[in-house]
Amino acid sequence: MEAIKGILLKNRPSLSVNSLKTYTSLLINLQKKISPKSDLSLKFFTGSEDKILDHVKSLEKESSKKTILSAYFVLTGKAKNT
């Protein structure tokens, strides 16, 4: 969890405390939903792009999609249309 926070802050130093908490929580929960048996790992986010995007597409709320994709982008620097 601290590794994710560190990367988020490194990639976006101006991130507010509340946004940092939100992004970290969303990313951790995202991994738990997609891969519940795996340990929290940064490799998951760089190696599971298709699974992550499929999950985001399945969400109903546009605001949830936007926030998760924002967190994912800040963490990885990857941008892809959904």
PDB file of N, CA and C in Angstrom:
ATOM      1  N   MET A   1       0.821  -1.190   0.000  1.00  0.00           N
ATOM      2  CA  MET A   1       0.000   0.000   0.000  1.00  0.00           C
ATOM      3  C   MET A   1       0.867   1.256   0.000  1.00  0.00           C
ATOM      4  N   GLU A   2       1.924   1.252   0.795  1.00  0.00           N
ATOM      5  CA  GLU A   2       2.807   2.414   0.850  1.00  0.00           C
ATOM      6  C   GLU A   2       3.519   2.611  -0.485  1.00  0.00           C
ATOM      7  N   ALA A   3       3.805   1.510  -1.174  1.00  0.00           N
ATOM      8  CA  ALA A   3       4.468   1.617  -2.480  1.00  0.00           C
ATOM      9  C   ALA A   3       3.554   2.327  -3.475  1.00  0.00           C
ATOM     10  N   ILE A   4       2.271   1.998  -3.436  1.00  0.00           N
ATOM     11  CA  ILE A   4       1.311   2.643  -4.327  1.00  0.00           C
ATOM     12  C   ILE A   4       1.222   4.134  -4.003  1.00  0.00           C
ATOM     13  N   LYS A   5       1.131   4.462  -2.728  1.00  0.00           N
ATOM     14  CA  LYS A   5       1.071   5.876  -2.325  1.00  0.00           C
ATOM     15  C   LYS A   5       2.311   6.621  -2.801  1.00  0.00           C
ATOM     16  N   GLY A   6       3.466   5.990  -2.631  1.00  0.00           N
ATOM     17  CA  GLY A   6       4.716   6.625  -3.031  1.00  0.00           C
ATOM     18  C   GLY A   6       4.767   6.905  -4.522  1.00  0.00           C
ATOM     19  N   ILE A   7       4.331   5.960  -5.324  1.00  0.00           N
ATOM     20  CA  ILE A   7       4.339   6.153  -6.777  1.00  0.00           C
ATOM     21  C   ILE A   7       3.329   7.215  -7.185  1.00  0.00           C
ATOM     22  N   LEU A   8       2.155   7.189  -6.583  1.00  0.00           N
ATOM     23  CA  LEU A   8       1.152   8.206  -6.888  1.00  0.00           C
ATOM     24  C   LEU A   8       1.694   9.609  -6.603  1.00  0.00           C
ATOM     25  N   LEU A   9       2.335   9.769  -5.444  1.00  0.00           N
ATOM     26  CA  LEU A   9       2.883  11.080  -5.082  1.00  0.00           C
ATOM     27  C   LEU A   9       4.059  11.470  -5.972  1.00  0.00           C
ATOM     28  N   LYS A  10       4.865  10.504  -6.345  1.00  0.00           N
ATOM     29  CA  LYS A  10       5.999  10.783  -7.232  1.00  0.00           C
ATOM     30  C   LYS A  10       5.503  11.248  -8.600  1.00  0.00           C
ATOM     31  N   ASN A  11       4.478  10.556  -9.107  1.00  0.00           N
ATOM     32  CA  ASN A  11       3.953  10.879 -10.429  1.00  0.00           C
ATOM     33  C   ASN A  11       3.072  12.122 -10.440  1.00  0.00           C
ATOM     34  N   ARG A  12       2.489  12.458  -9.296  1.00  0.00           N
ATOM     35  CA  ARG A  12       1.609  13.627  -9.208  1.00  0.00           C
ATOM     36  C   ARG A  12       1.832  14.302  -7.850  1.00  0.00           C
ATOM     37  N   PRO A  13       2.927  15.056  -7.705  1.00  0.00           N
ATOM     38  CA  PRO A  13       3.267  15.667  -6.409  1.00  0.00           C
ATOM     39  C   PRO A  13       2.184  16.594  -5.852  1.00  0.00           C
ATOM     40  N   SER A  14       1.363  17.139  -6.719  1.00  0.00           N
ATOM     41  CA  SER A  14       0.333  18.076  -6.260  1.00  0.00           C
ATOM     42  C   SER A  14      -0.954  17.384  -5.810  1.00  0.00           C
ATOM     43  N   LEU A  15      -0.951  16.067  -5.776  1.00  0.00           N
ATOM     44  CA  LEU A  15      -2.138  15.310  -5.377  1.00  0.00           C
ATOM     45  C   LEU A  15      -2.493  15.635  -3.926  1.00  0.00           C
ATOM     46  N   SER A  16      -3.742  15.969  -3.682  1.00  0.00           N
ATOM     47  CA  SER A  16      -4.167  16.301  -2.315  1.00  0.00           C
ATOM     48  C   SER A  16      -4.192  15.044  -1.456  1.00  0.00           C
ATOM     49  N   VAL A  17      -4.185  15.247  -0.163  1.00  0.00           N
ATOM     50  CA  VAL A  17      -4.218  14.126   0.786  1.00  0.00           C
ATOM     51  C   VAL A  17      -5.459  13.276   0.560  1.00  0.00           C
ATOM     52  N   ASN A  18      -6.604  13.921   0.368  1.00  0.00           N
ATOM     53  CA  ASN A  18      -7.850  13.178   0.161  1.00  0.00           C
ATOM     54  C   ASN A  18      -7.845  12.411  -1.154  1.00  0.00           C
ATOM     55  N   SER A  19      -7.310  13.012  -2.203  1.00  0.00           N
ATOM     56  CA  SER A  19      -7.224  12.308  -3.485  1.00  0.00           C
ATOM     57  C   SER A  19      -6.264  11.133  -3.382  1.00  0.00           C
ATOM     58  N   LEU A  20      -5.174  11.307  -2.663  1.00  0.00           N
ATOM     59  CA  LEU A  20      -4.221  10.218  -2.465  1.00  0.00           C
ATOM     60  C   LEU A  20      -4.896   9.040  -1.767  1.00  0.00           C
ATOM     61  N   LYS A  21      -5.657   9.324  -0.727  1.00  0.00           N
ATOM     62  CA  LYS A  21      -6.391   8.266  -0.013  1.00  0.00           C
ATOM     63  C   LYS A  21      -7.409   7.592  -0.930  1.00  0.00           C
ATOM     64  N   THR A  22      -8.139   8.390  -1.694  1.00  0.00           N
ATOM     65  CA  THR A  22      -9.152   7.851  -2.599  1.00  0.00           C
ATOM     66  C   THR A  22      -8.520   6.977  -3.663  1.00  0.00           C
ATOM     67  N   TYR A  23      -7.496   7.483  -4.321  1.00  0.00           N
ATOM     68  CA  TYR A  23      -6.831   6.728  -5.385  1.00  0.00           C
ATOM     69  C   TYR A  23      -6.247   5.426  -4.851  1.00  0.00           C
ATOM     70  N   THR A  24      -5.591   5.494  -3.702  1.00  0.00           N
ATOM     71  CA  THR A  24      -4.993   4.294  -3.116  1.00  0.00           C
ATOM     72  C   THR A  24      -6.067   3.257  -2.805  1.00  0.00           C
ATOM     73  N   SER A  25      -7.133   3.699  -2.184  1.00  0.00           N
ATOM     74  CA  SER A  25      -8.227   2.798  -1.837  1.00  0.00           C
ATOM     75  C   SER A  25      -8.853   2.177  -3.087  1.00  0.00           C
ATOM     76  N   LEU A  26      -9.109   2.989  -4.098  1.00  0.00           N
ATOM     77  CA  LEU A  26      -9.703   2.487  -5.339  1.00  0.00           C
ATOM     78  C   LEU A  26      -8.811   1.447  -6.007  1.00  0.00           C
ATOM     79  N   LEU A  27      -7.518   1.718  -6.048  1.00  0.00           N
ATOM     80  CA  LEU A  27      -6.598   0.784  -6.700  1.00  0.00           C
ATOM     81  C   LEU A  27      -6.488  -0.531  -5.941  1.00  0.00           C
ATOM     82  N   ILE A  28      -6.449  -0.457  -4.623  1.00  0.00           N
ATOM     83  CA  ILE A  28      -6.391  -1.679  -3.815  1.00  0.00           C
ATOM     84  C   ILE A  28      -7.669  -2.495  -4.008  1.00  0.00           C
ATOM     85  N   ASN A  29      -8.821  -1.839  -3.951  1.00  0.00           N
ATOM     86  CA  ASN A  29     -10.093  -2.541  -4.137  1.00  0.00           C
ATOM     87  C   ASN A  29     -10.244  -3.078  -5.556  1.00  0.00           C
ATOM     88  N   LEU A  30      -9.711  -2.361  -6.519  1.00  0.00           N
ATOM     89  CA  LEU A  30      -9.743  -2.818  -7.898  1.00  0.00           C
ATOM     90  C   LEU A  30      -8.999  -4.145  -8.036  1.00  0.00           C
ATOM     91  N   GLN A  31      -7.809  -4.219  -7.458  1.00  0.00           N
ATOM     92  CA  GLN A  31      -7.060  -5.469  -7.535  1.00  0.00           C
ATOM     93  C   GLN A  31      -7.787  -6.587  -6.800  1.00  0.00           C
ATOM     94  N   LYS A  32      -8.362  -6.291  -5.645  1.00  0.00           N
ATOM     95  CA  LYS A  32      -9.093  -7.307  -4.882  1.00  0.00           C
ATOM     96  C   LYS A  32     -10.285  -7.852  -5.663  1.00  0.00           C
ATOM     97  N   LYS A  33     -10.968  -6.997  -6.416  1.00  0.00           N
ATOM     98  CA  LYS A  33     -12.126  -7.438  -7.191  1.00  0.00           C
ATOM     99  C   LYS A  33     -11.721  -8.277  -8.399  1.00  0.00           C
ATOM    100  N   ILE A  34     -10.642  -7.885  -9.047  1.00  0.00           N
ATOM    101  CA  ILE A  34     -10.225  -8.581 -10.265  1.00  0.00           C
ATOM    102  C   ILE A  34      -9.428  -9.834  -9.944  1.00  0.00           C
ATOM    103  N   SER A  35      -8.582  -9.756  -8.936  1.00  0.00           N
ATOM    104  CA  SER A  35      -7.703 -10.870  -8.604  1.00  0.00           C
ATOM    105  C   SER A  35      -7.666 -11.060  -7.087  1.00  0.00           C
ATOM    106  N   PRO A  36      -8.747 -11.589  -6.520  1.00  0.00           N
ATOM    107  CA  PRO A  36      -8.877 -11.626  -5.057  1.00  0.00           C
ATOM    108  C   PRO A  36      -7.839 -12.480  -4.335  1.00  0.00           C
ATOM    109  N   LYS A  37      -7.272 -13.453  -5.004  1.00  0.00           N
ATOM    110  CA  LYS A  37      -6.332 -14.343  -4.329  1.00  0.00           C
ATOM    111  C   LYS A  37      -4.887 -13.879  -4.402  1.00  0.00           C
ATOM    112  N   SER A  38      -4.613 -12.856  -5.198  1.00  0.00           N
ATOM    113  CA  SER A  38      -3.222 -12.409  -5.330  1.00  0.00           C
ATOM    114  C   SER A  38      -2.894 -11.350  -4.285  1.00  0.00           C
ATOM    115  N   ASP A  39      -1.622 -11.277  -3.946  1.00  0.00           N
ATOM    116  CA  ASP A  39      -1.150 -10.259  -3.015  1.00  0.00           C
ATOM    117  C   ASP A  39      -1.089  -8.914  -3.725  1.00  0.00           C
ATOM    118  N   LEU A  40      -1.230  -7.860  -2.955  1.00  0.00           N
ATOM    119  CA  LEU A  40      -1.158  -6.517  -3.510  1.00  0.00           C
ATOM    120  C   LEU A  40       0.210  -6.325  -4.159  1.00  0.00           C
ATOM    121  N   SER A  41       0.186  -5.969  -5.438  1.00  0.00           N
ATOM    122  CA  SER A  41       1.433  -5.856  -6.184  1.00  0.00           C
ATOM    123  C   SER A  41       1.304  -4.820  -7.288  1.00  0.00           C
ATOM    124  N   LEU A  42       2.374  -4.080  -7.499  1.00  0.00           N
ATOM    125  CA  LEU A  42       2.387  -3.117  -8.593  1.00  0.00           C
ATOM    126  C   LEU A  42       2.400  -3.824  -9.936  1.00  0.00           C
ATOM    127  N   LYS A  43       2.941  -5.037  -9.981  1.00  0.00           N
ATOM    128  CA  LYS A  43       2.967  -5.811 -11.225  1.00  0.00           C
ATOM    129  C   LYS A  43       1.563  -6.056 -11.752  1.00  0.00           C
ATOM    130  N   PHE A  44       0.619  -6.199 -10.849  1.00  0.00           N
ATOM    131  CA  PHE A  44      -0.761  -6.412 -11.255  1.00  0.00           C
ATOM    132  C   PHE A  44      -1.233  -5.283 -12.163  1.00  0.00           C
ATOM    133  N   PHE A  45      -0.909  -4.056 -11.815  1.00  0.00           N
ATOM    134  CA  PHE A  45      -1.407  -2.901 -12.553  1.00  0.00           C
ATOM    135  C   PHE A  45      -0.725  -2.716 -13.901  1.00  0.00           C
ATOM    136  N   THR A  46       0.483  -3.193 -14.032  1.00  0.00           N
ATOM    137  CA  THR A  46       1.165  -3.075 -15.315  1.00  0.00           C
ATOM    138  C   THR A  46       0.914  -4.287 -16.205  1.00  0.00           C
ATOM    139  N   GLY A  47       0.475  -5.394 -15.611  1.00  0.00           N
ATOM    140  CA  GLY A  47       0.280  -6.609 -16.395  1.00  0.00           C
ATOM    141  C   GLY A  47      -1.160  -7.014 -16.617  1.00  0.00           C
ATOM    142  N   SER A  48      -2.093  -6.262 -16.111  1.00  0.00           N
ATOM    143  CA  SER A  48      -3.509  -6.640 -16.193  1.00  0.00           C
ATOM    144  C   SER A  48      -4.360  -5.549 -16.824  1.00  0.00           C
ATOM    145  N   GLU A  49      -3.789  -4.830 -17.745  1.00  0.00           N
ATOM    146  CA  GLU A  49      -4.483  -3.685 -18.335  1.00  0.00           C
ATOM    147  C   GLU A  49      -5.842  -4.063 -18.916  1.00  0.00           C
ATOM    148  N   ASP A  50      -5.914  -5.137 -19.685  1.00  0.00           N
ATOM    149  CA  ASP A  50      -7.187  -5.537 -20.298  1.00  0.00           C
ATOM    150  C   ASP A  50      -8.234  -5.902 -19.254  1.00  0.00           C
ATOM    151  N   LYS A  51      -7.823  -6.613 -18.211  1.00  0.00           N
ATOM    152  CA  LYS A  51      -8.758  -6.979 -17.143  1.00  0.00           C
ATOM    153  C   LYS A  51      -9.268  -5.737 -16.424  1.00  0.00           C
ATOM    154  N   ILE A  52      -8.369  -4.798 -16.189  1.00  0.00           N
ATOM    155  CA  ILE A  52      -8.753  -3.558 -15.498  1.00  0.00           C
ATOM    156  C   ILE A  52      -9.741  -2.776 -16.347  1.00  0.00           C
ATOM    157  N   LEU A  53      -9.445  -2.622 -17.626  1.00  0.00           N
ATOM    158  CA  LEU A  53     -10.334  -1.859 -18.498  1.00  0.00           C
ATOM    159  C   LEU A  53     -11.686  -2.551 -18.674  1.00  0.00           C
ATOM    160  N   ASP A  54     -11.699  -3.873 -18.746  1.00  0.00           N
ATOM    161  CA  ASP A  54     -12.972  -4.598 -18.827  1.00  0.00           C
ATOM    162  C   ASP A  54     -13.798  -4.365 -17.569  1.00  0.00           C
ATOM    163  N   HIS A  55     -13.145  -4.381 -16.415  1.00  0.00           N
ATOM    164  CA  HIS A  55     -13.864  -4.141 -15.160  1.00  0.00           C
ATOM    165  C   HIS A  55     -14.439  -2.730 -15.133  1.00  0.00           C
ATOM    166  N   VAL A  56     -13.635  -1.765 -15.547  1.00  0.00           N
ATOM    167  CA  VAL A  56     -14.100  -0.370 -15.541  1.00  0.00           C
ATOM    168  C   VAL A  56     -15.285  -0.201 -16.491  1.00  0.00           C
ATOM    169  N   LYS A  57     -15.217  -0.840 -17.635  1.00  0.00           N
ATOM    170  CA  LYS A  57     -16.338  -0.764 -18.589  1.00  0.00           C
ATOM    171  C   LYS A  57     -17.625  -1.329 -18.004  1.00  0.00           C
ATOM    172  N   SER A  58     -17.502  -2.298 -17.110  1.00  0.00           N
ATOM    173  CA  SER A  58     -18.693  -2.941 -16.543  1.00  0.00           C
ATOM    174  C   SER A  58     -19.369  -2.098 -15.457  1.00  0.00           C
ATOM    175  N   LEU A  59     -18.716  -1.055 -15.000  1.00  0.00           N
ATOM    176  CA  LEU A  59     -19.294  -0.202 -13.961  1.00  0.00           C
ATOM    177  C   LEU A  59     -20.406   0.662 -14.538  1.00  0.00           C
ATOM    178  N   GLU A  60     -21.398   0.953 -13.727  1.00  0.00           N
ATOM    179  CA  GLU A  60     -22.537   1.745 -14.192  1.00  0.00           C
ATOM    180  C   GLU A  60     -22.285   3.246 -14.104  1.00  0.00           C
ATOM    181  N   LYS A  61     -21.690   3.692 -13.028  1.00  0.00           N
ATOM    182  CA  LYS A  61     -21.516   5.129 -12.803  1.00  0.00           C
ATOM    183  C   LYS A  61     -20.334   5.677 -13.591  1.00  0.00           C
ATOM    184  N   GLU A  62     -20.584   6.691 -14.379  1.00  0.00           N
ATOM    185  CA  GLU A  62     -19.520   7.327 -15.152  1.00  0.00           C
ATOM    186  C   GLU A  62     -18.480   7.964 -14.230  1.00  0.00           C
ATOM    187  N   SER A  63     -18.933   8.503 -13.105  1.00  0.00           N
ATOM    188  CA  SER A  63     -17.996   9.144 -12.181  1.00  0.00           C
ATOM    189  C   SER A  63     -17.025   8.124 -11.582  1.00  0.00           C
ATOM    190  N   SER A  64     -17.511   6.919 -11.316  1.00  0.00           N
ATOM    191  CA  SER A  64     -16.636   5.856 -10.804  1.00  0.00           C
ATOM    192  C   SER A  64     -15.608   5.464 -11.848  1.00  0.00           C
ATOM    193  N   LYS A  65     -16.048   5.343 -13.078  1.00  0.00           N
ATOM    194  CA  LYS A  65     -15.122   5.006 -14.165  1.00  0.00           C
ATOM    195  C   LYS A  65     -14.013   6.043 -14.268  1.00  0.00           C
ATOM    196  N   LYS A  66     -14.412   7.307 -14.240  1.00  0.00           N
ATOM    197  CA  LYS A  66     -13.452   8.400 -14.386  1.00  0.00           C
ATOM    198  C   LYS A  66     -12.428   8.395 -13.260  1.00  0.00           C
ATOM    199  N   THR A  67     -12.889   8.211 -12.044  1.00  0.00           N
ATOM    200  CA  THR A  67     -11.980   8.269 -10.905  1.00  0.00           C
ATOM    201  C   THR A  67     -11.015   7.085 -10.902  1.00  0.00           C
ATOM    202  N   ILE A  68     -11.513   5.902 -11.213  1.00  0.00           N
ATOM    203  CA  ILE A  68     -10.635   4.725 -11.263  1.00  0.00           C
ATOM    204  C   ILE A  68      -9.609   4.882 -12.377  1.00  0.00           C
ATOM    205  N   LEU A  69     -10.055   5.340 -13.544  1.00  0.00           N
ATOM    206  CA  LEU A  69      -9.114   5.534 -14.649  1.00  0.00           C
ATOM    207  C   LEU A  69      -8.099   6.625 -14.332  1.00  0.00           C
ATOM    208  N   SER A  70      -8.508   7.649 -13.612  1.00  0.00           N
ATOM    209  CA  SER A  70      -7.568   8.700 -13.210  1.00  0.00           C
ATOM    210  C   SER A  70      -6.505   8.130 -12.271  1.00  0.00           C
ATOM    211  N   ALA A  71      -6.939   7.344 -11.310  1.00  0.00           N
ATOM    212  CA  ALA A  71      -5.997   6.721 -10.378  1.00  0.00           C
ATOM    213  C   ALA A  71      -5.042   5.786 -11.124  1.00  0.00           C
ATOM    214  N   TYR A  72      -5.580   4.998 -12.039  1.00  0.00           N
ATOM    215  CA  TYR A  72      -4.769   4.071 -12.831  1.00  0.00           C
ATOM    216  C   TYR A  72      -3.758   4.835 -13.678  1.00  0.00           C
ATOM    217  N   PHE A  73      -4.187   5.927 -14.299  1.00  0.00           N
ATOM    218  CA  PHE A  73      -3.288   6.730 -15.126  1.00  0.00           C
ATOM    219  C   PHE A  73      -2.159   7.336 -14.296  1.00  0.00           C
ATOM    220  N   VAL A  74      -2.485   7.890 -13.136  1.00  0.00           N
ATOM    221  CA  VAL A  74      -1.460   8.495 -12.295  1.00  0.00           C
ATOM    222  C   VAL A  74      -0.466   7.425 -11.841  1.00  0.00           C
ATOM    223  N   LEU A  75      -0.943   6.234 -11.530  1.00  0.00           N
ATOM    224  CA  LEU A  75      -0.061   5.156 -11.080  1.00  0.00           C
ATOM    225  C   LEU A  75       0.847   4.662 -12.202  1.00  0.00           C
ATOM    226  N   THR A  76       0.285   4.450 -13.378  1.00  0.00           N
ATOM    227  CA  THR A  76       1.035   3.778 -14.453  1.00  0.00           C
ATOM    228  C   THR A  76       1.499   4.698 -15.571  1.00  0.00           C
ATOM    229  N   GLY A  77       0.828   5.827 -15.729  1.00  0.00           N
ATOM    230  CA  GLY A  77       1.134   6.705 -16.847  1.00  0.00           C
ATOM    231  C   GLY A  77       0.509   6.236 -18.146  1.00  0.00           C
ATOM    232  N   LYS A  78      -0.286   5.150 -18.077  1.00  0.00           N
ATOM    233  CA  LYS A  78      -0.932   4.606 -19.276  1.00  0.00           C
ATOM    234  C   LYS A  78      -2.283   5.264 -19.486  1.00  0.00           C
ATOM    235  N   ALA A  79      -2.538   5.650 -20.704  1.00  0.00           N
ATOM    236  CA  ALA A  79      -3.843   6.202 -21.063  1.00  0.00           C
ATOM    237  C   ALA A  79      -4.394   5.383 -22.218  1.00  0.00           C
ATOM    238  N   LYS A  80      -5.635   4.961 -22.100  1.00  0.00           N
ATOM    239  CA  LYS A  80      -6.251   4.164 -23.149  1.00  0.00           C
ATOM    240  C   LYS A  80      -7.739   4.454 -23.125  1.00  0.00           C
ATOM    241  N   ASN A  81      -8.335   4.582 -24.281  1.00  0.00           N
ATOM    242  CA  ASN A  81      -9.782   4.830 -24.356  1.00  0.00           C
ATOM    243  C   ASN A  81     -10.544   3.601 -23.941  1.00  0.00           C
ATOM    244  N   THR A  82     -11.668   3.818 -23.229  1.00  0.00           N
ATOM    245  CA  THR A  82     -12.503   2.684 -22.845  1.00  0.00           C
ATOM    246  C   THR A  82     -13.782   2.686 -23.614  1.00  0.00           C
TER     247      THR A  82
END
